[in-house]
Amino acid sequence: MQRHATGQRPLGNEYHIRYGGYGAIAYHYVADNYIALFSRFFPCGVWEAVYIVDGLLQQQSKAEPKEIHADTQGQSFPVFGLAYLFGFDLLPRIRNFKDRVFFRPDPEVTHTHIDALFGEPVNWKLIESHWEDLMRVAISIRQGKLSSVTLLRRLRHDSKRNKIYRAFRELGRVVSTMVLLRYISDPVVRGHVSKATTMTESFNGFAKWLNFGNATIGTNDPEDQEKYIKFNTLVANLVILSTAVDMSRVFNGLRADGRPVRRADVMAIAPYQQENVRRFGDFVYDLTAPLETIEARLDIDDDDETGEGDRSSPDTDLEGGDIGTSQSQAE
């Protein structure tokens, strides 16, 4: 957990019992190639789930994520529904699994062995009757006419009389049940979610490590607070890129010496290394110097003799990739 101590309560920040003090949340959107695409900064009292979709729509990289991973606080029925409308597959880490409720597709449907997990049926008529309304909301958000944060703040559990809320909640119940069924039936999915959320937590720790010195955000200006987080994210991304280039040179050198470089071995090493980073000292920047050519090539051997080994690449293409979200507290 990234903490920035302060002697006074900053404007806009709140006391949160979960963190034991006043502060705010730094929320990072980390791609499956280890870098953070986007960061947000918001008070502790805000439910983190409302920012998931908003950050993905605001980030301006070439990434076209298909999966979103988040911690337990990054989920709610309306968020599941909104993510589905935008084509995102929300796969959060699930805590207190025994308390989760599955929703029946039909009142007459029963399930062998797992029927005790299911509660009330889905109200398909409610979804169908408000489907056009849901699509209008999604289009308005996509075109920037409506903020998903504003919408999800209004679509809370105390908005039960709001028909749009009820429709989003019902759609979210369907999507959530499908995710839960995948989660309990497929160990590959559970491992994938665990790996993605662990990676984002590792980025969190790496960014904190780079943020040495005075960890206090010594300003009450929200824009300056946001810059503080974004600059820290930018530095972390630059160091990750430099480390990835160094790792590629080492791997290519090993392969040139006749040593095999397996995909599984490369994928087990994250570029969140600390031993090769000099955090202290004098750094001279010459903005007029020509940029050095970055060697982005990495030759990898197949994992078996047939060449049918793990084909996933450590330098994953951002299009169609995964996005994990992580959070850290700043006081």
Foldseek 3Di string as FASTA:
>chain_A
DFEFDDPDAFPQEDQDPVVHGTFWKWKFKAFLLLATQDIDIHYPVDQPLLCPVQGVLPRDDPFDAQEEEEECSNDDLLSLLLCVLVNHQYQYDDDPLVPDEAAACDPPDADPPCRVRYDYHFPVVLLVVCVVVSNVVSVCCNVPVDGSSVVVVCLDPVVVVDSVSVNSNSSSSNSVNVSSVCCVPPVVSVVVSVVQQVSQVLLVVLLSVLPDDNSHPPDNDSVSVRVVSVVSSVVSNVQLVVLLLVVQVVQVVCVVVVHAAAQVVVLVDGSSDDPVDDSDDDDDDDPPDDDDDGPPDHDHDAPDPVSPHDPQHSSHDSYHTYIYMDMDIYD
